[in-house]
Protein backbone atom coordinates (compact mmCIF):
# COMPACT_ATOMS: atom_id res chain seq x y z
CA MET A 1 137.84 60.65 183.84
CA ALA A 2 141.32 59.61 182.77
CA ALA A 3 141.60 62.48 180.30
CA ALA A 4 140.66 64.98 182.98
CA PHE A 5 143.24 63.47 185.30
CA ARG A 6 145.99 63.76 182.66
CA LYS A 7 145.17 67.43 182.08
CA ALA A 8 145.28 68.10 185.82
CA ALA A 9 148.63 66.26 186.11
CA LYS A 10 150.15 68.29 183.26
CA ALA A 11 149.08 71.52 184.89
CA GLY A 12 151.44 70.89 187.76
CA GLN A 13 154.38 69.73 185.68
CA ARG A 14 157.58 71.69 185.51
CA GLU A 15 157.99 73.92 182.46
CA HIS A 16 160.81 72.67 180.23
CA ARG A 17 162.75 75.48 178.63
CA GLU A 18 165.23 75.26 175.76
CA ARG A 19 168.78 75.97 176.76
CA GLY A 20 170.58 79.05 175.56
CA GLN A 21 173.87 79.36 173.74
CA PRO A 22 176.76 78.02 175.84
CA ARG A 23 179.29 80.56 177.03
CA SER A 24 182.03 78.93 174.98
CA ARG A 25 179.99 79.42 171.77
CA ARG A 26 178.73 82.93 172.53
CA GLN A 27 180.72 84.37 169.64
CA LEU A 28 178.46 82.43 167.22
CA GLY A 29 175.38 84.42 168.20
CA LEU A 30 172.02 83.30 169.52
CA LEU A 31 171.23 79.60 169.57
CA GLU A 32 168.45 78.76 167.14
CA LYS A 33 165.32 77.49 168.89
CA LYS A 34 162.66 75.20 167.49
CA GLU A 35 160.34 78.17 166.83
CA ASP A 36 163.07 79.88 164.80
CA TYR A 37 163.76 76.66 162.85
CA LYS A 38 160.03 76.28 162.14
CA ARG A 39 159.79 79.78 160.65
CA ARG A 40 162.93 79.28 158.56
CA ALA A 41 161.71 75.91 157.29
CA ASP A 42 158.26 77.26 156.38
CA ASP A 43 159.81 80.17 154.47
CA TYR A 44 162.15 77.78 152.62
CA HIS A 45 159.33 75.40 151.63
CA LYS A 46 157.15 78.34 150.54
CA LYS A 47 159.86 79.60 148.18
CA GLN A 48 160.46 76.09 146.83
CA ASN A 49 156.74 75.71 146.08
CA VAL A 50 156.73 79.02 144.21
CA LEU A 51 159.72 77.96 142.09
CA LYS A 52 158.09 74.60 141.40
CA ALA A 53 154.86 76.30 140.27
CA LEU A 54 156.80 78.69 138.00
CA ARG A 55 158.71 75.80 136.40
CA LYS A 56 155.46 73.97 135.75
CA LYS A 57 153.89 77.10 134.29
CA ALA A 58 156.88 77.62 131.98
CA LEU A 59 156.75 74.00 130.78
CA GLU A 60 153.00 74.13 130.11
CA LYS A 61 153.06 77.60 128.47
CA ASN A 62 151.14 77.93 125.21
CA PRO A 63 153.24 79.84 122.60
CA ASP A 64 150.04 81.13 120.96
CA GLU A 65 148.66 82.50 124.22
CA PHE A 66 147.63 86.18 124.05
CA TYR A 67 146.20 88.70 126.47
CA PHE A 68 145.31 92.29 125.65
CA LYS A 69 147.45 93.40 128.58
CA MET A 70 150.52 92.20 126.63
CA THR A 71 150.17 95.23 124.35
CA ARG A 72 150.73 97.58 127.30
CA VAL A 73 153.48 95.67 129.15
CA HIS A 74 157.19 95.52 128.39
CA LEU A 75 160.22 94.10 130.19
CA GLN A 76 162.57 96.59 131.83
CA ASP A 77 165.56 95.14 133.71
CA GLY A 78 163.71 91.83 134.01
CA VAL A 79 160.60 93.45 135.51
CA HIS A 80 157.23 93.83 133.78
CA VAL A 81 156.33 97.51 133.47
CA ILE A 82 152.88 98.68 132.37
CA LYS A 83 152.84 101.56 129.90
CA GLN A 84 150.79 104.40 131.32
CA PRO A 85 148.35 105.96 128.82
CA LYS A 86 149.20 109.48 127.72
CA GLU A 87 146.77 112.07 129.06
CA GLU A 88 145.18 114.27 126.41
CA VAL A 89 145.54 117.51 128.38
CA THR A 90 147.19 120.75 127.34
CA GLN A 91 149.68 122.48 129.62
CA GLU A 92 147.25 125.34 130.22
CA GLN A 93 144.44 122.94 131.20
CA LEU A 94 146.78 120.95 133.47
CA LYS A 95 147.96 124.10 135.25
CA VAL A 96 144.39 125.28 135.90
CA MET A 97 143.23 121.82 137.01
CA ARG A 98 146.05 121.55 139.56
CA THR A 99 145.68 125.02 141.06
CA GLN A 100 141.93 125.67 140.93
CA ASP A 101 138.93 123.93 142.39
CA LEU A 102 135.88 122.69 140.49
CA LYS A 103 133.54 125.19 142.18
CA TYR A 104 135.86 128.08 141.32
CA ILE A 105 136.05 127.02 137.66
CA GLU A 106 132.27 126.67 137.49
CA MET A 107 131.76 130.08 139.09
CA LYS A 108 134.10 131.76 136.57
CA ARG A 109 132.43 129.92 133.68
CA VAL A 110 128.95 131.08 134.73
CA ALA A 111 130.20 134.66 135.09
CA GLU A 112 131.74 134.45 131.61
CA ALA A 113 128.50 133.06 130.17
CA LYS A 114 126.52 135.98 131.63
CA LYS A 115 128.94 138.48 130.09
CA ILE A 116 128.56 136.70 126.72
CA GLU A 117 124.76 136.93 126.90
CA ARG A 118 124.94 140.62 127.78
CA MET A 119 127.30 141.36 124.87
CA LYS A 120 125.11 139.37 122.47
CA SER A 121 122.06 141.35 123.51
CA GLU A 122 123.95 144.62 122.89
CA LEU A 123 125.59 143.70 119.58
CA GLN A 124 122.76 141.47 118.23
CA LEU A 125 125.27 139.89 115.76
CA LEU A 126 123.66 141.67 112.81
CA ASP A 127 126.83 142.34 110.81
CA ALA A 128 129.35 140.07 112.50
CA GLN A 129 132.12 138.60 110.40
CA GLY A 130 131.70 134.93 109.65
CA LYS A 131 127.97 135.05 110.26
CA ARG A 132 125.91 133.24 107.68
CA SER A 133 124.39 135.83 105.35
CA ASN A 134 120.61 135.92 105.12
CA LYS A 135 118.79 135.60 101.82
CA HIS A 136 115.81 137.66 100.73
CA LEU A 137 113.90 136.03 97.88
CA PHE A 138 111.48 137.90 95.64
CA PHE A 139 108.95 136.04 93.48
CA PHE A 140 107.51 137.29 90.19
CA ASP A 141 105.05 135.91 87.68
CA THR A 142 106.68 136.99 84.40
CA LYS A 143 110.21 137.44 83.03
CA LYS A 144 109.41 141.07 82.20
CA GLU A 145 108.93 141.83 85.91
CA VAL A 146 112.27 140.18 86.69
CA GLN A 147 114.09 142.33 84.09
CA GLU A 148 112.45 145.55 85.30
CA PHE A 149 112.97 144.69 88.99
CA ASP A 150 114.67 147.32 91.18
CA VAL A 151 115.49 146.47 94.81
CA ALA A 152 115.32 150.06 96.11
CA THR A 153 111.93 150.66 94.47
CA HIS A 154 110.55 147.36 95.71
CA LEU A 155 111.69 148.00 99.31
CA ASN A 156 110.66 151.66 99.10
CA THR A 157 113.99 152.92 100.43
CA SER A 158 117.02 154.86 99.28
CA PRO A 159 119.52 153.05 96.98
CA GLU A 160 122.33 153.85 99.44
CA LEU A 161 120.54 151.85 102.17
CA VAL A 162 119.83 148.71 100.16
CA ASP A 163 122.95 146.84 101.33
CA ARG A 164 122.15 147.41 105.00
CA VAL A 165 121.03 144.44 107.06
CA TYR A 166 119.43 146.62 109.71
CA ASN A 167 118.25 150.22 110.19
CA ARG A 168 116.86 150.57 106.66
CA PRO A 169 114.08 153.20 106.85
CA THR A 170 111.62 153.80 104.04
CA ILE A 171 111.46 156.96 101.91
CA GLU A 172 108.38 158.24 103.81
CA THR A 173 110.24 157.90 107.10
CA LEU A 174 113.25 159.78 105.71
CA GLN A 175 110.99 162.61 104.51
CA LYS A 176 109.11 162.93 107.81
CA GLU A 177 111.95 162.55 110.32
CA THR A 178 115.51 163.75 110.50
CA VAL A 179 118.42 161.33 110.50
CA LYS A 180 119.67 160.66 114.03
CA GLY A 181 123.18 159.61 114.98
CA ALA A 182 126.45 159.79 113.09
CA THR A 183 126.23 160.58 109.39
CA GLN A 184 129.79 161.62 108.56
CA PRO A 185 132.01 158.94 106.91
CA ALA A 186 134.73 159.40 109.55
CA HIS A 187 132.24 158.85 112.38
CA LEU A 188 130.73 155.83 110.65
CA LYS A 189 134.21 154.33 110.15
CA LYS A 190 135.04 154.84 113.82
CA LEU A 191 131.78 153.18 114.88
CA ALA A 192 132.52 150.25 112.57
CA GLN A 193 135.95 149.82 114.17
CA GLN A 194 134.46 149.89 117.66
CA ARG A 195 131.84 147.34 116.64
CA LYS A 196 134.53 145.09 115.17
CA HIS A 197 136.52 145.33 118.42
CA GLN A 198 133.44 144.35 120.42
CA TYR A 199 132.89 141.31 118.18
CA SER A 200 136.53 140.32 118.71
CA LEU A 201 136.08 140.51 122.50
CA LEU A 202 132.90 138.48 122.24
CA LYS A 203 134.72 135.77 120.27
CA GLN A 204 137.49 135.61 122.89
CA ARG A 205 134.96 135.30 125.72
CA ILE A 206 133.11 132.49 123.92
CA GLU A 207 136.37 130.54 123.45
CA ARG A 208 137.32 131.14 127.11
CA GLU A 209 133.93 129.87 128.29
CA LYS A 210 134.31 126.71 126.18
CA LYS A 211 137.77 126.02 127.64
CA MET A 212 136.48 126.45 131.20
CA PHE A 213 133.60 124.08 130.48
CA ILE A 214 136.03 121.40 129.22
CA ILE A 215 138.32 121.87 132.25
CA ALA A 216 135.35 121.56 134.64
CA GLN A 217 134.26 118.34 132.94
CA LYS A 218 137.76 116.84 133.19
CA ILE A 219 138.06 117.73 136.89
CA GLN A 220 134.64 116.16 137.54
CA ALA A 221 135.68 113.02 135.64
CA ARG A 222 138.80 112.67 137.80
CA LYS A 223 136.68 113.01 140.94
CA ASP A 224 134.24 110.37 139.69
CA LEU A 225 137.15 107.95 139.12
CA LEU A 226 137.85 107.97 142.88
CA ASP A 227 134.69 105.90 143.30
CA LYS A 228 135.46 102.20 143.81
CA THR A 229 132.50 101.12 141.68
CA TYR A 230 133.33 98.92 138.70
CA LYS A 231 133.53 101.01 135.54
CA VAL A 232 134.37 100.62 131.87
CA LYS A 233 135.94 103.31 129.68
CA VAL A 234 133.62 104.08 126.77
CA LYS A 235 135.46 107.02 125.20
CA LYS A 236 139.05 108.18 125.54
CA GLU A 237 140.01 111.63 126.77
CA THR A 238 140.88 114.23 124.16
CA ILE A 239 141.95 117.86 124.26
CA ASN A 240 138.39 119.03 123.60
CA SER A 241 136.41 116.42 125.57
CA PRO A 242 136.69 114.53 128.88
CA PRO A 243 136.82 110.72 129.15
CA VAL A 244 133.51 108.86 129.29
CA TYR A 245 133.04 105.93 131.70
CA LYS A 246 130.13 103.58 132.18
CA PHE A 247 129.64 102.70 135.87
CA LYS A 248 128.04 99.53 137.14
CA PHE A 249 124.55 100.20 138.46
CA GLN A 250 124.22 99.91 142.23
CA ARG A 251 121.00 100.22 144.12
CA LYS A 252 121.09 103.00 146.70
CA ARG A 253 119.70 102.21 150.11
């Protein structure tokens, strides 16, 4: 009952306000109130506690203490600066990654892969340079057969066609049918040059498709890093491969 009476009595009391700065001291600025003093005092004590904690930490520091982060941090003008890892990206890859979108890169890569398949089906890579040469083994029972062995006779073809990998007709076929296509040395040389040019274009397209695939993987890796899920780097980024991260498993609702 008494507590309720005191609360009711305080409700009707006059509000006491702190006085302002006297007119004679107006040139000194605003008069500090208790609320202002409280904020200033709290800020002062907070800074003093921080300095006290730092002094204690410096006194109790272990000289043999080591953290792996120390290898990536150095002092610069009294401030700890973390060394940023160097990105393994070429200037060409960086330019494409900044200007193009992932879907565009993937679309161009698929189109390039289709062109490569079409060129492979046309050229068949039968006499491409750098291709591993095939071996044709012949087996005999006696040494006499090995000494008397003749490749053209065994394959039943003309000696001029023995070195061919493809289009090697037999003697019966040559006798029955006429030779179709270019037979002159000049025409054959021109066809060989055209075939070599096609193989060169095919090689360039294969390299371009590989570069686009690497760029698409790096763009996708940067998008995956935007996820806030905890992750650990398993493999560093190189010029020919994107970085590999292992993400913490989270159950999807």
